[in-house]
Amino acid sequence: MDNSKEMTVSIGEAAEKLGISVKTLRRWADADKRSPLNTS
């Protein structure tokens, strides 16, 4: 049984932690500069 817990954050929380704006994070996603998927 997999006991790992999935953690999700809002785009606003992610942008804040990265020190960038939500607009920038969305532009990166549109340009495939980062993956919106959670990795293990």
N, C-alpha and C. Protein backbone atom coordinates (compact mmCIF):
# COMPACT_ATOMS: atom_id res chain seq x y z
N MET A 1 0.84 -1.19 0.00
CA MET A 1 0.00 0.00 0.00
C MET A 1 0.88 1.24 0.00
N ASP A 2 0.54 2.20 -0.82
CA ASP A 2 1.30 3.44 -0.92
C ASP A 2 0.79 4.41 0.14
N ASN A 3 1.66 4.77 1.06
CA ASN A 3 1.27 5.67 2.15
C ASN A 3 1.66 7.12 1.90
N SER A 4 2.16 7.41 0.70
CA SER A 4 2.55 8.79 0.41
C SER A 4 1.31 9.67 0.32
N LYS A 5 1.48 10.92 0.71
CA LYS A 5 0.37 11.87 0.67
C LYS A 5 0.61 12.85 -0.47
N GLU A 6 -0.44 13.10 -1.22
CA GLU A 6 -0.36 14.04 -2.32
C GLU A 6 -0.54 15.45 -1.78
N MET A 7 0.37 16.34 -2.17
CA MET A 7 0.29 17.73 -1.72
C MET A 7 -0.04 18.60 -2.93
N THR A 8 -1.01 19.42 -2.80
CA THR A 8 -1.34 20.36 -3.87
C THR A 8 -1.28 21.77 -3.32
N VAL A 9 -0.92 22.70 -4.16
CA VAL A 9 -0.92 24.11 -3.80
C VAL A 9 -1.59 24.88 -4.92
N SER A 10 -2.14 26.01 -4.57
CA SER A 10 -2.77 26.85 -5.60
C SER A 10 -1.69 27.52 -6.44
N ILE A 11 -2.08 28.02 -7.59
CA ILE A 11 -1.11 28.69 -8.44
C ILE A 11 -0.56 29.94 -7.74
N GLY A 12 -1.40 30.58 -6.95
CA GLY A 12 -0.95 31.76 -6.19
C GLY A 12 0.10 31.39 -5.15
N GLU A 13 -0.12 30.28 -4.45
CA GLU A 13 0.84 29.82 -3.45
C GLU A 13 2.16 29.42 -4.11
N ALA A 14 2.07 28.74 -5.24
CA ALA A 14 3.28 28.31 -5.95
C ALA A 14 4.06 29.53 -6.43
N ALA A 15 3.37 30.50 -7.01
CA ALA A 15 4.03 31.71 -7.49
C ALA A 15 4.71 32.44 -6.34
N GLU A 16 4.03 32.54 -5.22
CA GLU A 16 4.59 33.23 -4.06
C GLU A 16 5.86 32.52 -3.58
N LYS A 17 5.82 31.20 -3.49
CA LYS A 17 6.99 30.44 -3.04
C LYS A 17 8.16 30.57 -4.01
N LEU A 18 7.84 30.70 -5.31
CA LEU A 18 8.89 30.85 -6.32
C LEU A 18 9.37 32.30 -6.46
N GLY A 19 8.64 33.23 -5.85
CA GLY A 19 9.00 34.64 -5.93
C GLY A 19 8.70 35.25 -7.28
N ILE A 20 7.65 34.75 -7.94
CA ILE A 20 7.25 35.26 -9.25
C ILE A 20 5.75 35.56 -9.22
N SER A 21 5.28 36.21 -10.26
CA SER A 21 3.85 36.52 -10.32
C SER A 21 3.08 35.33 -10.89
N VAL A 22 1.78 35.33 -10.62
CA VAL A 22 0.91 34.30 -11.18
C VAL A 22 0.94 34.37 -12.70
N LYS A 23 0.97 35.59 -13.25
CA LYS A 23 1.03 35.75 -14.71
C LYS A 23 2.28 35.08 -15.27
N THR A 24 3.40 35.26 -14.61
CA THR A 24 4.64 34.63 -15.07
C THR A 24 4.52 33.12 -15.03
N LEU A 25 3.99 32.59 -13.95
CA LEU A 25 3.83 31.15 -13.83
C LEU A 25 2.92 30.61 -14.93
N ARG A 26 1.85 31.33 -15.23
CA ARG A 26 0.96 30.90 -16.32
C ARG A 26 1.66 30.98 -17.67
N ARG A 27 2.46 32.04 -17.89
CA ARG A 27 3.22 32.15 -19.15
C ARG A 27 4.19 30.99 -19.29
N TRP A 28 4.87 30.63 -18.19
CA TRP A 28 5.80 29.50 -18.23
C TRP A 28 5.06 28.22 -18.59
N ALA A 29 3.89 28.03 -18.02
CA ALA A 29 3.10 26.83 -18.32
C ALA A 29 2.71 26.82 -19.80
N ASP A 30 2.31 27.96 -20.31
CA ASP A 30 1.93 28.05 -21.72
C ASP A 30 3.12 27.79 -22.65
N ALA A 31 4.31 28.15 -22.19
CA ALA A 31 5.52 27.98 -23.00
C ALA A 31 6.22 26.65 -22.68
N ASP A 32 5.58 25.81 -21.89
CA ASP A 32 6.15 24.51 -21.49
C ASP A 32 7.48 24.64 -20.77
N LYS A 33 7.66 25.71 -20.00
CA LYS A 33 8.90 25.89 -19.25
C LYS A 33 8.87 25.15 -17.93
N ARG A 34 7.73 24.72 -17.53
CA ARG A 34 7.62 23.92 -16.31
C ARG A 34 6.39 23.04 -16.43
N SER A 35 6.37 22.00 -15.66
CA SER A 35 5.25 21.07 -15.69
C SER A 35 4.32 21.37 -14.52
N PRO A 36 3.01 21.46 -14.78
CA PRO A 36 2.08 21.71 -13.69
C PRO A 36 1.80 20.46 -12.86
N LEU A 37 2.38 19.32 -13.25
CA LEU A 37 2.11 18.08 -12.57
C LEU A 37 3.02 17.89 -11.37
N ASN A 38 2.49 17.24 -10.39
CA ASN A 38 3.25 16.89 -9.19
C ASN A 38 4.15 15.71 -9.53
N THR A 39 5.40 15.74 -9.09
CA THR A 39 6.30 14.62 -9.31
C THR A 39 6.63 13.97 -7.98
N SER A 40 6.92 12.71 -8.03
CA SER A 40 7.23 11.97 -6.80
C SER A 40 8.71 11.83 -6.62
